[in-house]
PDB file of N, CA and C in Angstrom:
ATOM      1  N   UNK A   1     -29.844  15.415   3.167  1.00  0.00           N
ATOM      2  CA  UNK A   1     -29.010  15.184   2.000  1.00  0.00           C
ATOM      3  C   UNK A   1     -28.549  16.876   1.429  1.00  0.00           C
ATOM      4  N   UNK A   2     -28.724  17.407   1.134  1.00  0.00           N
ATOM      5  CA  UNK A   2     -28.602  18.747   0.737  1.00  0.00           C
ATOM      6  C   UNK A   2     -27.468  19.558   1.868  1.00  0.00           C
ATOM      7  N   UNK A   3     -27.753  19.290   3.335  1.00  0.00           N
ATOM      8  CA  UNK A   3     -26.527  19.188   4.256  1.00  0.00           C
ATOM      9  C   UNK A   3     -25.550  18.820   4.042  1.00  0.00           C
ATOM     10  N   UNK A   4     -25.202  17.700   3.799  1.00  0.00           N
ATOM     11  CA  UNK A   4     -23.944  17.258   3.479  1.00  0.00           C
ATOM     12  C   UNK A   4     -23.368  17.720   2.556  1.00  0.00           C
ATOM     13  N   UNK A   5     -23.838  18.164   1.155  1.00  0.00           N
ATOM     14  CA  UNK A   5     -23.434  19.000   0.371  1.00  0.00           C
ATOM     15  C   UNK A   5     -22.892  20.215   0.424  1.00  0.00           C
ATOM     16  N   UNK A   6     -23.328  20.900   1.430  1.00  0.00           N
ATOM     17  CA  UNK A   6     -23.271  22.362   1.904  1.00  0.00           C
ATOM     18  C   UNK A   6     -21.640  22.293   2.606  1.00  0.00           C
ATOM     19  N   UNK A   7     -21.966  20.820   3.549  1.00  0.00           N
ATOM     20  CA  UNK A   7     -20.360  21.151   4.595  1.00  0.00           C
ATOM     21  C   UNK A   7     -19.374  19.994   4.412  1.00  0.00           C
ATOM     22  N   UNK A   8     -19.704  19.665   3.118  1.00  0.00           N
ATOM     23  CA  UNK A   8     -18.836  18.089   2.403  1.00  0.00           C
ATOM     24  C   UNK A   8     -17.345  18.966   2.965  1.00  0.00           C
ATOM     25  N   UNK A   9     -16.669  20.172   2.091  1.00  0.00           N
ATOM     26  CA  UNK A   9     -15.308  20.092   2.589  1.00  0.00           C
ATOM     27  C   UNK A   9     -15.090  20.459   3.594  1.00  0.00           C
ATOM     28  N   UNK A  10     -15.990  20.983   4.619  1.00  0.00           N
ATOM     29  CA  UNK A  10     -15.517  21.376   6.532  1.00  0.00           C
ATOM     30  C   UNK A  10     -15.508  19.853   6.764  1.00  0.00           C
ATOM     31  N   UNK A  11     -16.679  18.789   6.286  1.00  0.00           N
ATOM     32  CA  UNK A  11     -16.207  17.696   7.242  1.00  0.00           C
ATOM     33  C   UNK A  11     -14.953  16.703   6.400  1.00  0.00           C
ATOM     34  N   UNK A  12     -14.531  16.725   5.328  1.00  0.00           N
ATOM     35  CA  UNK A  12     -13.633  16.510   4.602  1.00  0.00           C
ATOM     36  C   UNK A  12     -12.232  16.911   5.639  1.00  0.00           C
ATOM     37  N   UNK A  13     -12.295  18.008   5.913  1.00  0.00           N
ATOM     38  CA  UNK A  13     -11.359  18.591   6.582  1.00  0.00           C
ATOM     39  C   UNK A  13     -11.215  18.452   7.723  1.00  0.00           C
ATOM     40  N   UNK A  14     -12.046  18.216   8.420  1.00  0.00           N
ATOM     41  CA  UNK A  14     -12.246  17.865   9.887  1.00  0.00           C
ATOM     42  C   UNK A  14     -11.444  16.201  10.068  1.00  0.00           C
ATOM     43  N   UNK A  15     -12.243  15.656   8.879  1.00  0.00           N
ATOM     44  CA  UNK A  15     -11.791  14.220   9.485  1.00  0.00           C
ATOM     45  C   UNK A  15     -10.326  14.236   8.833  1.00  0.00           C
ATOM     46  N   UNK A  16      -9.347  14.598   7.844  1.00  0.00           N
ATOM     47  CA  UNK A  16      -8.508  14.943   7.864  1.00  0.00           C
ATOM     48  C   UNK A  16      -7.593  15.034   9.010  1.00  0.00           C
ATOM     49  N   UNK A  17      -8.017  16.315   9.522  1.00  0.00           N
ATOM     50  CA  UNK A  17      -7.041  16.767  10.550  1.00  0.00           C
ATOM     51  C   UNK A  17      -6.603  15.093  11.573  1.00  0.00           C
ATOM     52  N   UNK A  18      -8.237  15.133  11.762  1.00  0.00           N
ATOM     53  CA  UNK A  18      -8.305  13.783  13.056  1.00  0.00           C
ATOM     54  C   UNK A  18      -7.505  12.704  12.483  1.00  0.00           C
ATOM     55  N   UNK A  19      -7.252  12.319  11.076  1.00  0.00           N
ATOM     56  CA  UNK A  19      -6.537  11.640  10.324  1.00  0.00           C
ATOM     57  C   UNK A  19      -5.100  11.533  10.708  1.00  0.00           C
ATOM     58  N   UNK A  20      -4.595  12.759  10.949  1.00  0.00           N
ATOM     59  CA  UNK A  20      -3.010  13.180  11.344  1.00  0.00           C
ATOM     60  C   UNK A  20      -2.707  13.229  12.718  1.00  0.00           C
ATOM     61  N   UNK A  21      -3.987  13.751  13.259  1.00  0.00           N
ATOM     62  CA  UNK A  21      -3.710  13.219  14.611  1.00  0.00           C
ATOM     63  C   UNK A  21      -3.812  11.885  15.547  1.00  0.00           C
ATOM     64  N   UNK A  22      -4.600  11.564  15.258  1.00  0.00           N
ATOM     65  CA  UNK A  22      -4.765   9.872  15.405  1.00  0.00           C
ATOM     66  C   UNK A  22      -3.673   8.789  14.919  1.00  0.00           C
ATOM     67  N   UNK A  23      -3.614   9.151  13.422  1.00  0.00           N
ATOM     68  CA  UNK A  23      -2.469   7.924  12.541  1.00  0.00           C
ATOM     69  C   UNK A  23      -1.898   8.921  12.184  1.00  0.00           C
ATOM     70  N   UNK A  24      -0.667   9.352  12.828  1.00  0.00           N
ATOM     71  CA  UNK A  24       0.421   9.989  12.285  1.00  0.00           C
ATOM     72  C   UNK A  24       1.001   9.651  11.124  1.00  0.00           C
ATOM     73  N   UNK A  25       1.689   8.318  10.985  1.00  0.00           N
ATOM     74  CA  UNK A  25       2.276   7.364  10.409  1.00  0.00           C
ATOM     75  C   UNK A  25       1.047   7.000   8.933  1.00  0.00           C
ATOM     76  N   UNK A  26       0.110   7.491   8.704  1.00  0.00           N
ATOM     77  CA  UNK A  26      -0.490   6.701   7.637  1.00  0.00           C
ATOM     78  C   UNK A  26      -1.632   6.135   8.167  1.00  0.00           C
ATOM     79  N   UNK A  27      -2.422   5.607   7.361  1.00  0.00           N
ATOM     80  CA  UNK A  27      -2.971   3.989   7.672  1.00  0.00           C
ATOM     81  C   UNK A  27      -2.722   2.898   7.328  1.00  0.00           C
ATOM     82  N   UNK A  28      -1.672   2.845   7.005  1.00  0.00           N
ATOM     83  CA  UNK A  28      -1.042   1.246   6.855  1.00  0.00           C
ATOM     84  C   UNK A  28       0.135   1.317   7.763  1.00  0.00           C
ATOM     85  N   UNK A  29       0.673   2.929   8.606  1.00  0.00           N
ATOM     86  CA  UNK A  29       1.837   2.373  10.038  1.00  0.00           C
ATOM     87  C   UNK A  29       3.099   2.739   9.910  1.00  0.00           C
ATOM     88  N   UNK A  30       3.619   3.303   8.105  1.00  0.00           N
ATOM     89  CA  UNK A  30       4.849   3.311   7.955  1.00  0.00           C
ATOM     90  C   UNK A  30       5.540   1.953   7.084  1.00  0.00           C
ATOM     91  N   UNK A  31       4.361   1.508   6.640  1.00  0.00           N
ATOM     92  CA  UNK A  31       5.120   0.223   6.273  1.00  0.00           C
ATOM     93  C   UNK A  31       6.275   0.522   4.595  1.00  0.00           C
ATOM     94  N   UNK A  32       6.954   0.109   4.882  1.00  0.00           N
ATOM     95  CA  UNK A  32       8.492   0.199   3.961  1.00  0.00           C
ATOM     96  C   UNK A  32       7.889  -0.350   2.679  1.00  0.00           C
ATOM     97  N   UNK A  33       7.427   0.204   1.546  1.00  0.00           N
ATOM     98  CA  UNK A  33       6.991  -0.150  -0.057  1.00  0.00           C
ATOM     99  C   UNK A  33       8.319  -0.328  -0.722  1.00  0.00           C
ATOM    100  N   UNK A  34       9.186  -0.231  -1.189  1.00  0.00           N
ATOM    101  CA  UNK A  34      10.583  -0.796  -1.341  1.00  0.00           C
ATOM    102  C   UNK A  34      10.846  -1.857  -1.185  1.00  0.00           C
ATOM    103  N   UNK A  35      10.978  -1.910   0.282  1.00  0.00           N
ATOM    104  CA  UNK A  35      11.838  -3.530   1.077  1.00  0.00           C
ATOM    105  C   UNK A  35      10.167  -4.792   0.330  1.00  0.00           C
ATOM    106  N   UNK A  36       9.242  -3.935  -0.045  1.00  0.00           N
ATOM    107  CA  UNK A  36       8.073  -4.919  -0.100  1.00  0.00           C
ATOM    108  C   UNK A  36       8.752  -5.413  -1.520  1.00  0.00           C
ATOM    109  N   UNK A  37       8.411  -4.553  -2.609  1.00  0.00           N
ATOM    110  CA  UNK A  37       8.198  -4.705  -4.031  1.00  0.00           C
ATOM    111  C   UNK A  37      10.263  -5.297  -4.027  1.00  0.00           C
ATOM    112  N   UNK A  38      10.897  -4.954  -3.530  1.00  0.00           N
ATOM    113  CA  UNK A  38      12.044  -5.689  -3.730  1.00  0.00           C
ATOM    114  C   UNK A  38      12.218  -6.950  -3.096  1.00  0.00           C
ATOM    115  N   UNK A  39      11.657  -7.321  -2.239  1.00  0.00           N
ATOM    116  CA  UNK A  39      11.420  -8.724  -1.917  1.00  0.00           C
ATOM    117  C   UNK A  39      10.466  -9.952  -2.913  1.00  0.00           C
ATOM    118  N   UNK A  40       9.513  -9.119  -3.187  1.00  0.00           N
ATOM    119  CA  UNK A  40       8.490  -9.972  -4.803  1.00  0.00           C
ATOM    120  C   UNK A  40       9.195  -9.932  -5.635  1.00  0.00           C
ATOM    121  N   UNK A  41       9.888  -9.050  -5.965  1.00  0.00           N
ATOM    122  CA  UNK A  41      10.932  -9.428  -7.692  1.00  0.00           C
ATOM    123  C   UNK A  41      11.897 -10.425  -6.677  1.00  0.00           C
ATOM    124  N   UNK A  42      11.916 -10.648  -5.944  1.00  0.00           N
ATOM    125  CA  UNK A  42      12.938 -11.272  -6.259  1.00  0.00           C
ATOM    126  C   UNK A  42      13.059 -12.732  -5.683  1.00  0.00           C
ATOM    127  N   UNK A  43      11.641 -12.795  -5.272  1.00  0.00           N
ATOM    128  CA  UNK A  43      10.681 -13.924  -5.002  1.00  0.00           C
ATOM    129  C   UNK A  43      10.672 -14.499  -6.501  1.00  0.00           C
ATOM    130  N   UNK A  44       9.809 -13.781  -7.509  1.00  0.00           N
ATOM    131  CA  UNK A  44       9.355 -13.795  -8.537  1.00  0.00           C
ATOM    132  C   UNK A  44      10.555 -13.908  -9.756  1.00  0.00           C
ATOM    133  N   UNK A  45      11.662 -13.638  -9.383  1.00  0.00           N
ATOM    134  CA  UNK A  45      13.124 -13.991 -10.665  1.00  0.00           C
ATOM    135  C   UNK A  45      13.123 -15.756  -9.747  1.00  0.00           C
ATOM    136  N   UNK A  46      13.720 -15.992  -8.520  1.00  0.00           N
ATOM    137  CA  UNK A  46      13.981 -17.243  -8.030  1.00  0.00           C
ATOM    138  C   UNK A  46      12.973 -18.045  -8.702  1.00  0.00           C
ATOM    139  N   UNK A  47      11.536 -18.093  -8.618  1.00  0.00           N
ATOM    140  CA  UNK A  47      10.656 -18.895  -9.076  1.00  0.00           C
ATOM    141  C   UNK A  47      10.946 -18.905 -10.668  1.00  0.00           C
ATOM    142  N   UNK A  48      11.420 -18.229 -11.476  1.00  0.00           N
ATOM    143  CA  UNK A  48      11.427 -18.015 -12.937  1.00  0.00           C
ATOM    144  C   UNK A  48      12.736 -18.925 -12.966  1.00  0.00           C
ATOM    145  N   UNK A  49      14.055 -18.537 -12.260  1.00  0.00           N
ATOM    146  CA  UNK A  49      14.897 -19.366 -12.014  1.00  0.00           C
ATOM    147  C   UNK A  49      14.905 -20.672 -12.042  1.00  0.00           C
ATOM    148  N   UNK A  50      14.182 -21.276 -11.175  1.00  0.00           N
ATOM    149  CA  UNK A  50      13.788 -22.373 -10.890  1.00  0.00           C
ATOM    150  C   UNK A  50      12.761 -23.036 -11.214  1.00  0.00           C
ATOM    151  N   UNK A  51      11.902 -22.300 -12.342  1.00  0.00           N
ATOM    152  CA  UNK A  51      10.935 -23.047 -13.320  1.00  0.00           C
ATOM    153  C   UNK A  51      12.281 -23.574 -15.033  1.00  0.00           C
ATOM    154  N   UNK A  52      13.351 -22.274 -14.631  1.00  0.00           N
ATOM    155  CA  UNK A  52      13.869 -22.765 -15.889  1.00  0.00           C
ATOM    156  C   UNK A  52      15.188 -23.936 -16.036  1.00  0.00           C
ATOM    157  N   UNK A  53      15.509 -24.024 -14.704  1.00  0.00           N
ATOM    158  CA  UNK A  53      16.727 -24.821 -14.518  1.00  0.00           C
ATOM    159  C   UNK A  53      15.608 -26.180 -14.694  1.00  0.00           C
ATOM    160  N   UNK A  54      14.231 -26.426 -14.255  1.00  0.00           N
ATOM    161  CA  UNK A  54      14.126 -27.821 -14.184  1.00  0.00           C
ATOM    162  C   UNK A  54      14.190 -28.237 -15.509  1.00  0.00           C
ATOM    163  N   UNK A  55      12.740 -26.957 -16.363  1.00  0.00           N
ATOM    164  CA  UNK A  55      13.090 -27.247 -17.717  1.00  0.00           C
ATOM    165  C   UNK A  55      14.742 -27.777 -18.565  1.00  0.00           C
ATOM    166  N   UNK A  56      15.458 -28.096 -18.591  1.00  0.00           N
ATOM    167  CA  UNK A  56      16.911 -28.100 -18.558  1.00  0.00           C
ATOM    168  C   UNK A  56      16.861 -28.885 -18.046  1.00  0.00           C
ATOM    169  N   UNK A  57      17.016 -29.831 -16.859  1.00  0.00           N
ATOM    170  CA  UNK A  57      16.937 -30.936 -16.825  1.00  0.00           C
ATOM    171  C   UNK A  57      16.043 -32.332 -16.971  1.00  0.00           C
ATOM    172  N   UNK A  58      15.038 -31.873 -17.729  1.00  0.00           N
ATOM    173  CA  UNK A  58      13.889 -32.526 -18.429  1.00  0.00           C
ATOM    174  C   UNK A  58      14.458 -33.401 -20.183  1.00  0.00           C
TER     175      UNK A  58
END
């Protein structure tokens, strides 16, 4: 276990270099989080609007 502590930063940097070589777009592969967040907000807004309209109709 002491071996790992001594070479921890070397192992970490080697893993980071390997990640940059094999996954240049990152772990998630270039997912557009702005679009996902915008779509999620739009869905929530539409559900809130529908539920308000349903309450008014009753």
